[in-house]
Full PDB file with SEQRES, HELIX, SHEET, SSBOND, CRYST1, ORIGX, SCALE, CONECT and MASTER records, all heavy atoms in Angstrom:
SEQRES   1 A   42  LYS LEU PHE ILE HIS ILE SER THR SER TYR CYS HIS LEU          
SEQRES   2 A   42  GLN GLU LYS LEU LEU GLU GLU LYS ALA TYR PRO PRO PRO          
SEQRES   3 A   42  ALA ASP PRO HIS HIS ILE ILE GLN ALA MET GLU TRP MET          
SEQRES   4 A   42  ASP THR GLU                                                  
HELIX    1 AA1 PRO A   29  TRP A   38  1                                  10    
CRYST1    1.000    1.000    1.000  90.00  90.00  90.00 P 1           1          
ORIGX1      1.000000  0.000000  0.000000        0.00000                         
ORIGX2      0.000000  1.000000  0.000000        0.00000                         
ORIGX3      0.000000  0.000000  1.000000        0.00000                         
SCALE1      1.000000  0.000000  0.000000        0.00000                         
SCALE2      0.000000  1.000000  0.000000        0.00000                         
SCALE3      0.000000  0.000000  1.000000        0.00000                         
ATOM      1  N   LYS A   1      42.419 -53.671 -16.001  1.00  0.00           N  
ATOM      2  CA  LYS A   1      42.537 -53.546 -17.424  1.00  0.00           C  
ATOM      3  C   LYS A   1      41.114 -53.775 -18.045  1.00  0.00           C  
ATOM      4  O   LYS A   1      40.840 -53.200 -19.113  1.00  0.00           O  
ATOM      5  CB  LYS A   1      43.462 -54.546 -17.994  1.00  0.00           C  
ATOM      6  CG  LYS A   1      44.917 -54.436 -17.563  1.00  0.00           C  
ATOM      7  CD  LYS A   1      45.787 -55.570 -18.103  1.00  0.00           C  
ATOM      8  CE  LYS A   1      47.246 -55.428 -17.727  1.00  0.00           C  
ATOM      9  NZ  LYS A   1      47.895 -54.250 -18.406  1.00  0.00           N  
ATOM     10  N   LEU A   2      40.282 -54.508 -17.369  1.00  0.00           N  
ATOM     11  CA  LEU A   2      38.934 -54.771 -17.964  1.00  0.00           C  
ATOM     12  C   LEU A   2      38.001 -55.316 -16.853  1.00  0.00           C  
ATOM     13  O   LEU A   2      38.379 -56.196 -16.054  1.00  0.00           O  
ATOM     14  CB  LEU A   2      39.069 -55.833 -19.028  1.00  0.00           C  
ATOM     15  CG  LEU A   2      37.767 -56.143 -19.875  1.00  0.00           C  
ATOM     16  CD1 LEU A   2      37.197 -54.870 -20.539  1.00  0.00           C  
ATOM     17  CD2 LEU A   2      38.036 -57.176 -20.917  1.00  0.00           C  
ATOM     18  N   PHE A   3      36.762 -54.753 -16.861  1.00  0.00           N  
ATOM     19  CA  PHE A   3      35.696 -55.261 -15.985  1.00  0.00           C  
ATOM     20  C   PHE A   3      34.629 -55.784 -16.916  1.00  0.00           C  
ATOM     21  O   PHE A   3      34.097 -55.130 -17.752  1.00  0.00           O  
ATOM     22  CB  PHE A   3      35.086 -54.103 -15.151  1.00  0.00           C  
ATOM     23  CG  PHE A   3      34.014 -54.490 -14.241  1.00  0.00           C  
ATOM     24  CD1 PHE A   3      34.275 -54.586 -12.903  1.00  0.00           C  
ATOM     25  CD2 PHE A   3      32.696 -54.706 -14.676  1.00  0.00           C  
ATOM     26  CE1 PHE A   3      33.270 -54.943 -11.943  1.00  0.00           C  
ATOM     27  CE2 PHE A   3      31.689 -55.022 -13.803  1.00  0.00           C  
ATOM     28  CZ  PHE A   3      31.938 -55.155 -12.422  1.00  0.00           C  
ATOM     29  N   ILE A   4      34.345 -57.125 -16.785  1.00  0.00           N  
ATOM     30  CA  ILE A   4      33.417 -57.802 -17.628  1.00  0.00           C  
ATOM     31  C   ILE A   4      32.169 -58.135 -16.789  1.00  0.00           C  
ATOM     32  O   ILE A   4      32.262 -58.865 -15.775  1.00  0.00           O  
ATOM     33  CB  ILE A   4      34.055 -59.085 -18.158  1.00  0.00           C  
ATOM     34  CG1 ILE A   4      35.181 -58.735 -19.208  1.00  0.00           C  
ATOM     35  CG2 ILE A   4      32.900 -59.897 -18.978  1.00  0.00           C  
ATOM     36  CD1 ILE A   4      35.788 -60.030 -19.715  1.00  0.00           C  
ATOM     37  N   HIS A   5      31.035 -57.694 -17.216  1.00  0.00           N  
ATOM     38  CA  HIS A   5      29.770 -57.980 -16.558  1.00  0.00           C  
ATOM     39  C   HIS A   5      28.917 -58.895 -17.404  1.00  0.00           C  
ATOM     40  O   HIS A   5      28.658 -58.712 -18.547  1.00  0.00           O  
ATOM     41  CB  HIS A   5      28.980 -56.697 -16.290  1.00  0.00           C  
ATOM     42  CG  HIS A   5      27.566 -56.913 -15.795  1.00  0.00           C  
ATOM     43  ND1 HIS A   5      27.326 -57.390 -14.518  1.00  0.00           N  
ATOM     44  CD2 HIS A   5      26.306 -56.678 -16.365  1.00  0.00           C  
ATOM     45  CE1 HIS A   5      26.023 -57.508 -14.275  1.00  0.00           C  
ATOM     46  NE2 HIS A   5      25.438 -57.106 -15.414  1.00  0.00           N  
ATOM     47  N   ILE A   6      28.534 -60.055 -16.784  1.00  0.00           N  
ATOM     48  CA  ILE A   6      27.741 -61.014 -17.491  1.00  0.00           C  
ATOM     49  C   ILE A   6      26.265 -60.692 -17.333  1.00  0.00           C  
ATOM     50  O   ILE A   6      25.680 -60.802 -16.211  1.00  0.00           O  
ATOM     51  CB  ILE A   6      27.956 -62.462 -17.029  1.00  0.00           C  
ATOM     52  CG1 ILE A   6      29.464 -62.725 -17.038  1.00  0.00           C  
ATOM     53  CG2 ILE A   6      27.203 -63.440 -17.873  1.00  0.00           C  
ATOM     54  CD1 ILE A   6      30.160 -62.579 -18.320  1.00  0.00           C  
ATOM     55  N   SER A   7      25.640 -60.220 -18.341  1.00  0.00           N  
ATOM     56  CA  SER A   7      24.222 -59.829 -18.342  1.00  0.00           C  
ATOM     57  C   SER A   7      23.458 -60.994 -18.974  1.00  0.00           C  
ATOM     58  O   SER A   7      23.820 -62.165 -18.929  1.00  0.00           O  
ATOM     59  CB  SER A   7      24.042 -58.500 -19.036  1.00  0.00           C  
ATOM     60  OG  SER A   7      22.673 -58.124 -18.932  1.00  0.00           O  
ATOM     61  N   THR A   8      22.414 -60.738 -19.745  1.00  0.00           N  
ATOM     62  CA  THR A   8      21.594 -61.663 -20.462  1.00  0.00           C  
ATOM     63  C   THR A   8      20.928 -61.041 -21.666  1.00  0.00           C  
ATOM     64  O   THR A   8      20.602 -59.829 -21.559  1.00  0.00           O  
ATOM     65  CB  THR A   8      20.564 -62.366 -19.598  1.00  0.00           C  
ATOM     66  OG1 THR A   8      19.656 -63.177 -20.463  1.00  0.00           O  
ATOM     67  CG2 THR A   8      19.731 -61.408 -18.846  1.00  0.00           C  
ATOM     68  N   SER A   9      20.783 -61.720 -22.746  1.00  0.00           N  
ATOM     69  CA  SER A   9      20.123 -61.100 -23.892  1.00  0.00           C  
ATOM     70  C   SER A   9      18.585 -61.080 -23.742  1.00  0.00           C  
ATOM     71  O   SER A   9      17.922 -60.546 -24.556  1.00  0.00           O  
ATOM     72  CB  SER A   9      20.474 -61.962 -25.145  1.00  0.00           C  
ATOM     73  OG  SER A   9      20.040 -63.316 -24.998  1.00  0.00           O  
ATOM     74  N   TYR A  10      18.085 -61.632 -22.634  1.00  0.00           N  
ATOM     75  CA  TYR A  10      16.645 -61.577 -22.324  1.00  0.00           C  
ATOM     76  C   TYR A  10      16.408 -60.571 -21.169  1.00  0.00           C  
ATOM     77  O   TYR A  10      15.431 -60.869 -20.367  1.00  0.00           O  
ATOM     78  CB  TYR A  10      16.226 -62.962 -21.965  1.00  0.00           C  
ATOM     79  CG  TYR A  10      16.101 -63.911 -23.138  1.00  0.00           C  
ATOM     80  CD1 TYR A  10      17.137 -64.755 -23.500  1.00  0.00           C  
ATOM     81  CD2 TYR A  10      14.926 -63.933 -23.944  1.00  0.00           C  
ATOM     82  CE1 TYR A  10      17.025 -65.611 -24.596  1.00  0.00           C  
ATOM     83  CE2 TYR A  10      14.782 -64.792 -24.985  1.00  0.00           C  
ATOM     84  CZ  TYR A  10      15.871 -65.571 -25.297  1.00  0.00           C  
ATOM     85  OH  TYR A  10      15.772 -66.448 -26.463  1.00  0.00           O  
ATOM     86  N   CYS A  11      17.072 -59.453 -21.118  1.00  0.00           N  
ATOM     87  CA  CYS A  11      16.764 -58.495 -20.045  1.00  0.00           C  
ATOM     88  C   CYS A  11      16.137 -57.238 -20.550  1.00  0.00           C  
ATOM     89  O   CYS A  11      15.756 -56.386 -19.797  1.00  0.00           O  
ATOM     90  CB  CYS A  11      18.012 -58.174 -19.255  1.00  0.00           C  
ATOM     91  SG  CYS A  11      19.236 -57.209 -20.169  1.00  0.00           S  
ATOM     92  N   HIS A  12      15.957 -57.122 -21.866  1.00  0.00           N  
ATOM     93  CA  HIS A  12      15.193 -56.003 -22.478  1.00  0.00           C  
ATOM     94  C   HIS A  12      14.090 -56.536 -23.336  1.00  0.00           C  
ATOM     95  O   HIS A  12      14.123 -56.447 -24.562  1.00  0.00           O  
ATOM     96  CB  HIS A  12      16.150 -55.090 -23.249  1.00  0.00           C  
ATOM     97  CG  HIS A  12      17.246 -54.465 -22.451  1.00  0.00           C  
ATOM     98  ND1 HIS A  12      16.952 -53.475 -21.504  1.00  0.00           N  
ATOM     99  CD2 HIS A  12      18.551 -54.762 -22.341  1.00  0.00           C  
ATOM    100  CE1 HIS A  12      18.152 -53.184 -20.921  1.00  0.00           C  
ATOM    101  NE2 HIS A  12      19.145 -53.917 -21.405  1.00  0.00           N  
ATOM    102  N   LEU A  13      13.110 -57.155 -22.646  1.00  0.00           N  
ATOM    103  CA  LEU A  13      12.120 -57.957 -23.353  1.00  0.00           C  
ATOM    104  C   LEU A  13      11.161 -57.153 -24.190  1.00  0.00           C  
ATOM    105  O   LEU A  13      10.442 -57.678 -25.000  1.00  0.00           O  
ATOM    106  CB  LEU A  13      11.321 -58.806 -22.376  1.00  0.00           C  
ATOM    107  CG  LEU A  13      12.215 -59.779 -21.556  1.00  0.00           C  
ATOM    108  CD1 LEU A  13      11.391 -60.485 -20.511  1.00  0.00           C  
ATOM    109  CD2 LEU A  13      12.913 -60.805 -22.446  1.00  0.00           C  
ATOM    110  N   GLN A  14      11.165 -55.798 -24.002  1.00  0.00           N  
ATOM    111  CA  GLN A  14      10.312 -54.962 -24.887  1.00  0.00           C  
ATOM    112  C   GLN A  14      10.931 -54.797 -26.226  1.00  0.00           C  
ATOM    113  O   GLN A  14      10.223 -54.325 -27.147  1.00  0.00           O  
ATOM    114  CB  GLN A  14      10.130 -53.596 -24.187  1.00  0.00           C  
ATOM    115  CG  GLN A  14      11.369 -52.660 -24.229  1.00  0.00           C  
ATOM    116  CD  GLN A  14      12.428 -52.946 -23.232  1.00  0.00           C  
ATOM    117  OE1 GLN A  14      12.330 -53.971 -22.512  1.00  0.00           O  
ATOM    118  NE2 GLN A  14      13.506 -52.108 -23.212  1.00  0.00           N  
ATOM    119  N   GLU A  15      12.166 -55.212 -26.399  1.00  0.00           N  
ATOM    120  CA  GLU A  15      12.843 -55.109 -27.656  1.00  0.00           C  
ATOM    121  C   GLU A  15      12.769 -56.431 -28.434  1.00  0.00           C  
ATOM    122  O   GLU A  15      13.384 -57.383 -28.014  1.00  0.00           O  
ATOM    123  CB  GLU A  15      14.290 -54.737 -27.537  1.00  0.00           C  
ATOM    124  CG  GLU A  15      14.534 -53.408 -26.788  1.00  0.00           C  
ATOM    125  CD  GLU A  15      14.072 -52.206 -27.564  1.00  0.00           C  
ATOM    126  OE1 GLU A  15      14.056 -52.230 -28.753  1.00  0.00           O  
ATOM    127  OE2 GLU A  15      13.651 -51.214 -26.865  1.00  0.00           O  
ATOM    128  N   LYS A  16      11.942 -56.476 -29.492  1.00  0.00           N  
ATOM    129  CA  LYS A  16      11.902 -57.772 -30.251  1.00  0.00           C  
ATOM    130  C   LYS A  16      13.092 -58.058 -31.028  1.00  0.00           C  
ATOM    131  O   LYS A  16      13.370 -59.191 -31.487  1.00  0.00           O  
ATOM    132  CB  LYS A  16      10.611 -57.687 -31.116  1.00  0.00           C  
ATOM    133  CG  LYS A  16       9.354 -57.656 -30.353  1.00  0.00           C  
ATOM    134  CD  LYS A  16       9.141 -58.831 -29.460  1.00  0.00           C  
ATOM    135  CE  LYS A  16       7.832 -58.873 -28.696  1.00  0.00           C  
ATOM    136  NZ  LYS A  16       7.773 -60.034 -27.748  1.00  0.00           N  
ATOM    137  N   LEU A  17      13.904 -56.988 -31.332  1.00  0.00           N  
ATOM    138  CA  LEU A  17      15.242 -57.192 -31.948  1.00  0.00           C  
ATOM    139  C   LEU A  17      16.261 -56.430 -31.046  1.00  0.00           C  
ATOM    140  O   LEU A  17      16.218 -55.252 -30.974  1.00  0.00           O  
ATOM    141  CB  LEU A  17      15.295 -56.555 -33.379  1.00  0.00           C  
ATOM    142  CG  LEU A  17      16.641 -56.643 -34.014  1.00  0.00           C  
ATOM    143  CD1 LEU A  17      17.145 -58.026 -34.240  1.00  0.00           C  
ATOM    144  CD2 LEU A  17      16.628 -55.916 -35.372  1.00  0.00           C  
ATOM    145  N   LEU A  18      17.061 -57.287 -30.312  1.00  0.00           N  
ATOM    146  CA  LEU A  18      18.001 -56.778 -29.379  1.00  0.00           C  
ATOM    147  C   LEU A  18      19.306 -56.399 -30.138  1.00  0.00           C  
ATOM    148  O   LEU A  18      19.915 -57.258 -30.640  1.00  0.00           O  
ATOM    149  CB  LEU A  18      18.287 -57.720 -28.264  1.00  0.00           C  
ATOM    150  CG  LEU A  18      19.165 -57.158 -27.164  1.00  0.00           C  
ATOM    151  CD1 LEU A  18      18.306 -56.211 -26.239  1.00  0.00           C  
ATOM    152  CD2 LEU A  18      19.725 -58.221 -26.334  1.00  0.00           C  
ATOM    153  N   GLU A  19      19.649 -55.089 -30.170  1.00  0.00           N  
ATOM    154  CA  GLU A  19      20.891 -54.723 -30.791  1.00  0.00           C  
ATOM    155  C   GLU A  19      21.996 -54.635 -29.781  1.00  0.00           C  
ATOM    156  O   GLU A  19      21.751 -54.705 -28.583  1.00  0.00           O  
ATOM    157  CB  GLU A  19      20.664 -53.337 -31.519  1.00  0.00           C  
ATOM    158  CG  GLU A  19      19.594 -53.427 -32.608  1.00  0.00           C  
ATOM    159  CD  GLU A  19      19.526 -52.078 -33.409  1.00  0.00           C  
ATOM    160  OE1 GLU A  19      20.573 -51.607 -33.786  1.00  0.00           O  
ATOM    161  OE2 GLU A  19      18.431 -51.613 -33.473  1.00  0.00           O  
ATOM    162  N   GLU A  20      23.219 -54.456 -30.275  1.00  0.00           N  
ATOM    163  CA  GLU A  20      24.427 -54.394 -29.374  1.00  0.00           C  
ATOM    164  C   GLU A  20      24.590 -52.949 -28.928  1.00  0.00           C  
ATOM    165  O   GLU A  20      25.584 -52.315 -29.327  1.00  0.00           O  
ATOM    166  CB  GLU A  20      25.559 -55.019 -30.073  1.00  0.00           C  
ATOM    167  CG  GLU A  20      25.388 -56.531 -30.336  1.00  0.00           C  
ATOM    168  CD  GLU A  20      26.588 -57.191 -31.007  1.00  0.00           C  
ATOM    169  OE1 GLU A  20      26.838 -56.793 -32.178  1.00  0.00           O  
ATOM    170  OE2 GLU A  20      27.253 -57.983 -30.351  1.00  0.00           O  
ATOM    171  N   LYS A  21      23.708 -52.527 -28.033  1.00  0.00           N  
ATOM    172  CA  LYS A  21      23.795 -51.186 -27.579  1.00  0.00           C  
ATOM    173  C   LYS A  21      23.096 -51.141 -26.185  1.00  0.00           C  
ATOM    174  O   LYS A  21      22.374 -52.007 -25.828  1.00  0.00           O  
ATOM    175  CB  LYS A  21      23.113 -50.218 -28.557  1.00  0.00           C  
ATOM    176  CG  LYS A  21      21.623 -50.398 -28.699  1.00  0.00           C  
ATOM    177  CD  LYS A  21      20.995 -49.367 -29.669  1.00  0.00           C  
ATOM    178  CE  LYS A  21      19.446 -49.485 -29.683  1.00  0.00           C  
ATOM    179  NZ  LYS A  21      18.847 -48.546 -30.602  1.00  0.00           N  
ATOM    180  N   ALA A  22      23.295 -49.990 -25.492  1.00  0.00           N  
ATOM    181  CA  ALA A  22      22.641 -49.792 -24.235  1.00  0.00           C  
ATOM    182  C   ALA A  22      21.175 -49.375 -24.417  1.00  0.00           C  
ATOM    183  O   ALA A  22      20.839 -48.650 -25.364  1.00  0.00           O  
ATOM    184  CB  ALA A  22      23.431 -48.745 -23.435  1.00  0.00           C  
ATOM    185  N   TYR A  23      20.339 -49.807 -23.485  1.00  0.00           N  
ATOM    186  CA  TYR A  23      18.938 -49.450 -23.522  1.00  0.00           C  
ATOM    187  C   TYR A  23      18.626 -48.844 -22.165  1.00  0.00           C  
ATOM    188  O   TYR A  23      19.210 -49.149 -21.084  1.00  0.00           O  
ATOM    189  CB  TYR A  23      18.022 -50.689 -23.694  1.00  0.00           C  
ATOM    190  CG  TYR A  23      18.127 -51.223 -25.107  1.00  0.00           C  
ATOM    191  CD1 TYR A  23      19.048 -52.275 -25.369  1.00  0.00           C  
ATOM    192  CD2 TYR A  23      17.270 -50.751 -26.137  1.00  0.00           C  
ATOM    193  CE1 TYR A  23      19.084 -52.867 -26.614  1.00  0.00           C  
ATOM    194  CE2 TYR A  23      17.412 -51.343 -27.415  1.00  0.00           C  
ATOM    195  CZ  TYR A  23      18.305 -52.355 -27.658  1.00  0.00           C  
ATOM    196  OH  TYR A  23      18.344 -52.926 -28.960  1.00  0.00           O  
ATOM    197  N   PRO A  24      17.652 -47.923 -22.150  1.00  0.00           N  
ATOM    198  CA  PRO A  24      17.196 -47.275 -20.873  1.00  0.00           C  
ATOM    199  C   PRO A  24      16.722 -48.361 -19.909  1.00  0.00           C  
ATOM    200  O   PRO A  24      15.972 -49.293 -20.239  1.00  0.00           O  
ATOM    201  CB  PRO A  24      16.109 -46.368 -21.249  1.00  0.00           C  
ATOM    202  CG  PRO A  24      16.229 -46.166 -22.724  1.00  0.00           C  
ATOM    203  CD  PRO A  24      16.868 -47.422 -23.268  1.00  0.00           C  
ATOM    204  N   PRO A  25      17.120 -48.295 -18.591  1.00  0.00           N  
ATOM    205  CA  PRO A  25      16.644 -49.308 -17.608  1.00  0.00           C  
ATOM    206  C   PRO A  25      15.192 -49.094 -17.283  1.00  0.00           C  
ATOM    207  O   PRO A  25      14.672 -47.974 -17.449  1.00  0.00           O  
ATOM    208  CB  PRO A  25      17.588 -48.998 -16.426  1.00  0.00           C  
ATOM    209  CG  PRO A  25      17.911 -47.546 -16.536  1.00  0.00           C  
ATOM    210  CD  PRO A  25      18.045 -47.276 -18.024  1.00  0.00           C  
ATOM    211  N   PRO A  26      14.550 -50.158 -16.804  1.00  0.00           N  
ATOM    212  CA  PRO A  26      13.077 -49.940 -16.474  1.00  0.00           C  
ATOM    213  C   PRO A  26      12.885 -49.075 -15.210  1.00  0.00           C  
ATOM    214  O   PRO A  26      11.689 -48.707 -14.959  1.00  0.00           O  
ATOM    215  CB  PRO A  26      12.677 -51.352 -16.185  1.00  0.00           C  
ATOM    216  CG  PRO A  26      13.937 -52.106 -15.831  1.00  0.00           C  
ATOM    217  CD  PRO A  26      15.059 -51.478 -16.638  1.00  0.00           C  
ATOM    218  N   ALA A  27      13.890 -48.749 -14.488  1.00  0.00           N  
ATOM    219  CA  ALA A  27      13.791 -47.806 -13.324  1.00  0.00           C  
ATOM    220  C   ALA A  27      15.192 -47.319 -13.022  1.00  0.00           C  
ATOM    221  O   ALA A  27      16.136 -47.768 -13.631  1.00  0.00           O  
ATOM    222  CB  ALA A  27      13.158 -48.527 -12.141  1.00  0.00           C  
ATOM    223  N   ASP A  28      15.251 -46.427 -12.117  1.00  0.00           N  
ATOM    224  CA  ASP A  28      16.564 -45.909 -11.645  1.00  0.00           C  
ATOM    225  C   ASP A  28      17.186 -46.947 -10.683  1.00  0.00           C  
ATOM    226  O   ASP A  28      16.618 -47.203  -9.565  1.00  0.00           O  
ATOM    227  CB  ASP A  28      16.409 -44.542 -10.895  1.00  0.00           C  
ATOM    228  CG  ASP A  28      17.738 -43.924 -10.531  1.00  0.00           C  
ATOM    229  OD1 ASP A  28      18.646 -44.710  -9.956  1.00  0.00           O  
ATOM    230  OD2 ASP A  28      17.943 -42.748 -10.749  1.00  0.00           O  
ATOM    231  N   PRO A  29      18.278 -47.631 -11.092  1.00  0.00           N  
ATOM    232  CA  PRO A  29      18.844 -48.724 -10.250  1.00  0.00           C  
ATOM    233  C   PRO A  29      19.210 -48.194  -8.812  1.00  0.00           C  
ATOM    234  O   PRO A  29      18.988 -48.931  -7.840  1.00  0.00           O  
ATOM    235  CB  PRO A  29      19.994 -49.188 -10.986  1.00  0.00           C  
ATOM    236  CG  PRO A  29      20.340 -48.135 -11.983  1.00  0.00           C  
ATOM    237  CD  PRO A  29      19.079 -47.463 -12.323  1.00  0.00           C  
ATOM    238  N   HIS A  30      19.679 -46.983  -8.724  1.00  0.00           N  
ATOM    239  CA  HIS A  30      20.064 -46.521  -7.419  1.00  0.00           C  
ATOM    240  C   HIS A  30      18.876 -46.305  -6.483  1.00  0.00           C  
ATOM    241  O   HIS A  30      18.973 -46.625  -5.280  1.00  0.00           O  
ATOM    242  CB  HIS A  30      20.801 -45.113  -7.580  1.00  0.00           C  
ATOM    243  CG  HIS A  30      22.079 -45.228  -8.406  1.00  0.00           C  
ATOM    244  ND1 HIS A  30      23.241 -45.744  -7.930  1.00  0.00           N  
ATOM    245  CD2 HIS A  30      22.267 -44.824  -9.696  1.00  0.00           C  
ATOM    246  CE1 HIS A  30      24.148 -45.665  -8.941  1.00  0.00           C  
ATOM    247  NE2 HIS A  30      23.586 -45.131 -10.033  1.00  0.00           N  
ATOM    248  N   HIS A  31      17.781 -45.803  -7.047  1.00  0.00           N  
ATOM    249  CA  HIS A  31      16.541 -45.691  -6.250  1.00  0.00           C  
ATOM    250  C   HIS A  31      15.972 -46.940  -5.840  1.00  0.00           C  
ATOM    251  O   HIS A  31      15.456 -47.140  -4.703  1.00  0.00           O  
ATOM    252  CB  HIS A  31      15.486 -44.822  -7.008  1.00  0.00           C  
ATOM    253  CG  HIS A  31      15.907 -43.425  -7.216  1.00  0.00           C  
ATOM    254  ND1 HIS A  31      15.270 -42.583  -8.137  1.00  0.00           N  
ATOM    255  CD2 HIS A  31      16.834 -42.650  -6.685  1.00  0.00           C  
ATOM    256  CE1 HIS A  31      15.796 -41.385  -8.122  1.00  0.00           C  
ATOM    257  NE2 HIS A  31      16.769 -41.419  -7.204  1.00  0.00           N  
ATOM    258  N   ILE A  32      16.012 -47.980  -6.733  1.00  0.00           N  
ATOM    259  CA  ILE A  32      15.479 -49.302  -6.451  1.00  0.00           C  
ATOM    260  C   ILE A  32      16.326 -49.936  -5.285  1.00  0.00           C  
ATOM    261  O   ILE A  32      15.807 -50.571  -4.409  1.00  0.00           O  
ATOM    262  CB  ILE A  32      15.534 -50.191  -7.726  1.00  0.00           C  
ATOM    263  CG1 ILE A  32      14.517 -49.669  -8.727  1.00  0.00           C  
ATOM    264  CG2 ILE A  32      15.146 -51.601  -7.348  1.00  0.00           C  
ATOM    265  CD1 ILE A  32      13.090 -49.661  -8.349  1.00  0.00           C  
ATOM    266  N   ILE A  33      17.656 -49.844  -5.399  1.00  0.00           N  
ATOM    267  CA  ILE A  33      18.433 -50.374  -4.307  1.00  0.00           C  
ATOM    268  C   ILE A  33      18.120 -49.755  -2.941  1.00  0.00           C  
ATOM    269  O   ILE A  33      17.902 -50.445  -1.963  1.00  0.00           O  
ATOM    270  CB  ILE A  33      19.972 -50.109  -4.605  1.00  0.00           C  
ATOM    271  CG1 ILE A  33      20.434 -50.953  -5.820  1.00  0.00           C  
ATOM    272  CG2 ILE A  33      20.842 -50.453  -3.416  1.00  0.00           C  
ATOM    273  CD1 ILE A  33      21.821 -50.511  -6.321  1.00  0.00           C  
ATOM    274  N   GLN A  34      17.967 -48.412  -2.897  1.00  0.00           N  
ATOM    275  CA  GLN A  34      17.625 -47.754  -1.684  1.00  0.00           C  
ATOM    276  C   GLN A  34      16.275 -48.221  -1.135  1.00  0.00           C  
ATOM    277  O   GLN A  34      16.114 -48.465   0.019  1.00  0.00           O  
ATOM    278  CB  GLN A  34      17.618 -46.245  -1.883  1.00  0.00           C  
ATOM    279  CG  GLN A  34      19.026 -45.638  -2.161  1.00  0.00           C  
ATOM    280  CD  GLN A  34      18.964 -44.160  -2.556  1.00  0.00           C  
ATOM    281  OE1 GLN A  34      17.830 -43.591  -2.737  1.00  0.00           O  
ATOM    282  NE2 GLN A  34      20.106 -43.502  -2.739  1.00  0.00           N  
ATOM    283  N   ALA A  35      15.335 -48.353  -2.015  1.00  0.00           N  
ATOM    284  CA  ALA A  35      13.971 -48.814  -1.697  1.00  0.00           C  
ATOM    285  C   ALA A  35      13.987 -50.177  -1.078  1.00  0.00           C  
ATOM    286  O   ALA A  35      13.311 -50.458  -0.047  1.00  0.00           O  
ATOM    287  CB  ALA A  35      12.996 -48.731  -2.844  1.00  0.00           C  
ATOM    288  N   MET A  36      14.686 -51.095  -1.692  1.00  0.00           N  
ATOM    289  CA  MET A  36      14.790 -52.431  -1.203  1.00  0.00           C  
ATOM    290  C   MET A  36      15.487 -52.570   0.141  1.00  0.00           C  
ATOM    291  O   MET A  36      15.225 -53.464   0.952  1.00  0.00           O  
ATOM    292  CB  MET A  36      15.469 -53.362  -2.246  1.00  0.00           C  
ATOM    293  CG  MET A  36      14.729 -53.553  -3.522  1.00  0.00           C  
ATOM    294  SD  MET A  36      13.052 -54.296  -3.356  1.00  0.00           S  
ATOM    295  CE  MET A  36      12.018 -52.870  -3.804  1.00  0.00           C  
ATOM    296  N   GLU A  37      16.362 -51.663   0.403  1.00  0.00           N  
ATOM    297  CA  GLU A  37      17.120 -51.680   1.651  1.00  0.00           C  
ATOM    298  C   GLU A  37      16.318 -51.299   2.877  1.00  0.00           C  
ATOM    299  O   GLU A  37      16.533 -51.774   3.985  1.00  0.00           O  
ATOM    300  CB  GLU A  37      18.390 -50.836   1.566  1.00  0.00           C  
ATOM    301  CG  GLU A  37      19.524 -51.367   0.670  1.00  0.00           C  
ATOM    302  CD  GLU A  37      20.706 -50.514   0.511  1.00  0.00           C  
ATOM    303  OE1 GLU A  37      20.504 -49.233   0.644  1.00  0.00           O  
ATOM    304  OE2 GLU A  37      21.825 -50.992   0.323  1.00  0.00           O  
ATOM    305  N   TRP A  38      15.348 -50.381   2.618  1.00  0.00           N  
ATOM    306  CA  TRP A  38      14.594 -49.876   3.778  1.00  0.00           C  
ATOM    307  C   TRP A  38      13.206 -50.399   3.903  1.00  0.00           C  
ATOM    308  O   TRP A  38      12.575 -50.387   4.932  1.00  0.00           O  
ATOM    309  CB  TRP A  38      14.608 -48.356   3.922  1.00  0.00           C  
ATOM    310  CG  TRP A  38      13.868 -47.697   2.750  1.00  0.00           C  
ATOM    311  CD1 TRP A  38      14.431 -47.093   1.713  1.00  0.00           C  
ATOM    312  CD2 TRP A  38      12.518 -47.340   2.726  1.00  0.00           C  
ATOM    313  NE1 TRP A  38      13.471 -46.510   0.907  1.00  0.00           N  
ATOM    314  CE2 TRP A  38      12.281 -46.585   1.545  1.00  0.00           C  
ATOM    315  CE3 TRP A  38      11.390 -47.618   3.571  1.00  0.00           C  
ATOM    316  CZ2 TRP A  38      11.022 -46.178   1.158  1.00  0.00           C  
ATOM    317  CZ3 TRP A  38      10.137 -47.141   3.128  1.00  0.00           C  
ATOM    318  CH2 TRP A  38       9.921 -46.517   1.963  1.00  0.00           C  
ATOM    319  N   MET A  39      12.611 -50.840   2.763  1.00  0.00           N  
ATOM    320  CA  MET A  39      11.234 -51.274   2.753  1.00  0.00           C  
ATOM    321  C   MET A  39      11.070 -52.693   3.393  1.00  0.00           C  
ATOM    322  O   MET A  39      11.955 -53.516   3.270  1.00  0.00           O  
ATOM    323  CB  MET A  39      10.669 -51.321   1.330  1.00  0.00           C  
ATOM    324  CG  MET A  39      10.403 -49.964   0.703  1.00  0.00           C  
ATOM    325  SD  MET A  39       9.978 -49.960  -1.105  1.00  0.00           S  
ATOM    326  CE  MET A  39       8.449 -50.771  -1.007  1.00  0.00           C  
ATOM    327  N   ASP A  40       9.928 -52.897   4.105  1.00  0.00           N  
ATOM    328  CA  ASP A  40       9.705 -54.242   4.708  1.00  0.00           C  
ATOM    329  C   ASP A  40       9.215 -55.237   3.662  1.00  0.00           C  
ATOM    330  O   ASP A  40       8.777 -54.816   2.572  1.00  0.00           O  
ATOM    331  CB  ASP A  40       8.747 -54.127   5.861  1.00  0.00           C  
ATOM    332  CG  ASP A  40       7.366 -53.575   5.446  1.00  0.00           C  
ATOM    333  OD1 ASP A  40       6.569 -54.347   4.905  1.00  0.00           O  
ATOM    334  OD2 ASP A  40       7.154 -52.441   5.655  1.00  0.00           O  
ATOM    335  N   THR A  41       9.120 -56.475   4.017  1.00  0.00           N  
ATOM    336  CA  THR A  41       8.824 -57.496   3.011  1.00  0.00           C  
ATOM    337  C   THR A  41       7.397 -57.364   2.488  1.00  0.00           C  
ATOM    338  O   THR A  41       7.195 -57.539   1.290  1.00  0.00           O  
ATOM    339  CB  THR A  41       8.991 -58.906   3.683  1.00  0.00           C  
ATOM    340  OG1 THR A  41      10.285 -59.049   4.165  1.00  0.00           O  
ATOM    341  CG2 THR A  41       8.689 -60.054   2.686  1.00  0.00           C  
ATOM    342  N   GLU A  42       6.492 -57.033   3.347  1.00  0.00           N  
ATOM    343  CA  GLU A  42       5.075 -56.930   2.908  1.00  0.00           C  
ATOM    344  C   GLU A  42       4.902 -55.802   1.909  1.00  0.00           C  
ATOM    345  O   GLU A  42       4.162 -55.931   0.956  1.00  0.00           O  
ATOM    346  CB  GLU A  42       4.147 -56.803   4.103  1.00  0.00           C  
ATOM    347  CG  GLU A  42       3.978 -58.101   4.943  1.00  0.00           C  
ATOM    348  CD  GLU A  42       3.536 -59.301   4.064  1.00  0.00           C  
ATOM    349  OE1 GLU A  42       2.609 -59.142   3.305  1.00  0.00           O  
ATOM    350  OE2 GLU A  42       4.102 -60.398   4.194  1.00  0.00           O  
TER     351      GLU A  42                                                      
MASTER        0    0    0    1    0    0    0    6  350    1    0    4          
END                                                                             
């Protein structure tokens, strides 16, 4: 019936006035996940 995701009001820090709307992410989340899965720590 409902999926609730707990985010934070401090995740779009480029916005000095955070409105109740979606903002573009700082990168493509799918690409970032893939990169972190195969890249080494260094």
